[in-house]
Amino acid sequence: MALLMAMVVLMTTTSFSMDMHYCGKTLVDYSFTQQAKSCGMEKVMTATDCELPVISQKPCCSDKQLVKESTDDLKVSWDQLAPVQQFFLSSFAYSYSNLLNSTGTSTNPFADYSPPFLRQDVQVLHQTFLI
């Protein structure tokens, strides 16, 4: 449980970014450390000759970036809590502390009774042993 909670804190306080390059609707490349490599199809050929005009098409490739920001506000102040939350936390702490403090004396209700006398050991008699 402690490892799970440590992983939750680590994942919420860590930020990362992921660059992705799509060609059409297909993911071609992704990278966590640098810009994703392109496939080279996004370069549009333009016409340099006026006699043969070429209609340039919109490139089918696109770049997307997924950014996950970290949170640094892990410590919550008592003043930031609502009164209902303050009441719940104080009553929980009080009941939990009283649960751990054992003020009553423990009595053994079977102190006056002795166990029955065994004439034979039944497990040895029937050769049944729990292993």
Protein backbone atom coordinates (compact mmCIF):
# COMPACT_ATOMS: atom_id res chain seq x y z
CA MET A 1 0.00 0.00 0.00
CA ALA A 2 2.89 2.33 0.80
CA LEU A 3 4.45 1.71 -2.61
CA LEU A 4 1.15 2.44 -4.32
CA MET A 5 0.78 5.73 -2.46
CA ALA A 6 4.39 6.66 -3.25
CA MET A 7 3.77 6.00 -6.96
CA VAL A 8 0.61 8.16 -6.88
CA VAL A 9 2.52 11.06 -5.32
CA LEU A 10 5.37 10.62 -7.80
CA MET A 11 3.04 10.55 -10.83
CA THR A 12 1.09 13.64 -9.70
CA THR A 13 4.21 15.73 -9.04
CA THR A 14 6.09 14.80 -12.23
CA SER A 15 5.56 16.71 -15.47
CA PHE A 16 6.36 15.41 -18.93
CA SER A 17 5.68 16.15 -22.59
CA MET A 18 5.26 13.88 -25.58
CA ASP A 19 5.70 14.96 -29.20
CA MET A 20 3.80 12.99 -31.84
CA HIS A 21 3.94 13.13 -35.64
CA TYR A 22 0.87 11.96 -37.56
CA CYS A 23 0.74 11.27 -41.26
CA GLY A 24 -2.97 11.34 -42.03
CA LYS A 25 -4.54 9.49 -39.10
CA THR A 26 -1.57 7.17 -38.56
CA LEU A 27 0.97 7.78 -35.81
CA VAL A 28 4.38 7.73 -37.49
CA ASP A 29 6.76 8.76 -34.68
CA TYR A 30 6.68 9.84 -31.05
CA SER A 31 9.30 11.08 -28.64
CA PHE A 32 9.46 11.90 -24.93
CA THR A 33 12.81 13.70 -25.02
CA GLN A 34 12.94 15.72 -28.24
CA GLN A 35 10.85 16.73 -31.23
CA ALA A 36 9.39 13.78 -33.15
CA LYS A 37 11.00 13.02 -36.51
CA SER A 38 8.92 13.85 -39.55
CA CYS A 39 8.27 11.53 -42.46
CA GLY A 40 9.16 14.18 -45.07
CA MET A 41 5.72 14.39 -46.65
CA GLU A 42 4.85 17.77 -45.17
CA LYS A 43 7.09 19.62 -47.62
CA VAL A 44 4.90 21.14 -50.30
CA MET A 45 6.28 21.49 -53.81
CA THR A 46 5.64 24.98 -55.17
CA ALA A 47 5.71 25.97 -58.78
CA THR A 48 8.66 28.08 -59.87
CA ASP A 49 7.62 28.31 -63.50
CA CYS A 50 4.74 30.66 -64.29
CA GLU A 51 3.76 28.75 -67.43
CA LEU A 52 3.05 25.50 -65.56
CA PRO A 53 1.27 26.47 -62.38
CA VAL A 54 1.00 23.63 -59.89
CA ILE A 55 -1.74 23.73 -57.32
CA SER A 56 -0.18 23.18 -53.93
CA GLN A 57 -2.08 20.83 -51.71
CA LYS A 58 -2.46 21.06 -47.97
CA PRO A 59 -0.03 18.65 -46.32
CA CYS A 60 -1.56 15.58 -44.74
CA CYS A 61 0.95 15.49 -41.88
CA SER A 62 0.48 17.10 -38.49
CA ASP A 63 2.43 17.44 -35.28
CA LYS A 64 0.80 17.22 -31.86
CA GLN A 65 2.25 17.75 -28.42
CA LEU A 66 0.83 16.27 -25.22
CA VAL A 67 1.93 18.17 -22.10
CA LYS A 68 1.16 17.04 -18.54
CA GLU A 69 1.86 19.75 -16.00
CA SER A 70 2.88 18.92 -12.44
CA THR A 71 1.17 20.04 -9.28
CA ASP A 72 3.22 21.56 -6.49
CA ASP A 73 0.46 22.31 -3.98
CA LEU A 74 0.55 19.08 -1.99
CA LYS A 75 0.44 20.63 1.48
CA VAL A 76 -3.05 21.73 2.44
CA SER A 77 -3.44 24.29 5.21
CA TRP A 78 -6.05 23.95 7.96
CA ASP A 79 -7.45 27.34 6.93
CA GLN A 80 -8.11 26.14 3.37
CA LEU A 81 -10.43 23.35 4.54
CA ALA A 82 -14.17 23.82 4.76
CA PRO A 83 -15.70 23.78 8.27
CA VAL A 84 -17.32 20.41 7.55
CA GLN A 85 -13.93 18.95 6.60
CA GLN A 86 -12.33 20.45 9.73
CA PHE A 87 -15.04 18.88 11.90
CA PHE A 88 -14.60 15.50 10.21
CA LEU A 89 -10.82 15.50 10.62
CA SER A 90 -10.95 16.56 14.27
CA SER A 91 -13.60 13.95 15.15
CA PHE A 92 -11.68 11.26 13.25
CA ALA A 93 -8.43 12.10 15.09
CA TYR A 94 -10.24 12.08 18.46
CA SER A 95 -11.96 8.73 17.88
CA TYR A 96 -8.78 7.16 16.47
CA SER A 97 -6.71 8.26 19.45
CA ASN A 98 -9.33 6.86 21.85
CA LEU A 99 -9.38 3.59 19.92
CA LEU A 100 -5.67 3.07 20.54
CA ASN A 101 -5.79 4.03 24.21
CA SER A 102 -7.00 1.06 26.21
CA THR A 103 -8.21 2.39 29.57
CA GLY A 104 -10.30 -0.61 30.56
CA THR A 105 -8.90 -3.68 32.29
CA SER A 106 -8.97 -6.89 30.37
CA THR A 107 -10.67 -9.73 32.18
CA ASN A 108 -10.45 -13.39 31.30
CA PRO A 109 -13.94 -14.91 31.57
CA PHE A 110 -12.51 -18.45 31.55
CA ALA A 111 -10.09 -17.99 34.46
CA ASP A 112 -12.34 -19.90 36.89
CA TYR A 113 -12.78 -22.92 34.59
CA SER A 114 -10.14 -25.54 33.96
CA PRO A 115 -9.95 -27.50 30.68
CA PRO A 116 -11.35 -31.05 30.59
CA PHE A 117 -9.05 -33.95 31.30
CA LEU A 118 -7.91 -35.86 28.22
CA ARG A 119 -7.82 -39.62 28.66
CA GLN A 120 -6.20 -40.27 25.30
CA ASP A 121 -4.66 -38.11 22.63
CA VAL A 122 -7.25 -38.44 19.83
CA GLN A 123 -4.88 -37.28 17.08
CA VAL A 124 -2.31 -39.92 17.95
CA LEU A 125 -5.03 -42.55 18.37
CA HIS A 126 -6.43 -41.99 14.85
CA GLN A 127 -3.09 -40.96 13.29
CA THR A 128 -4.43 -37.63 11.96
CA PHE A 129 -1.90 -34.82 12.00
CA LEU A 130 -2.19 -31.31 10.59
CA ILE A 131 0.87 -30.41 8.59
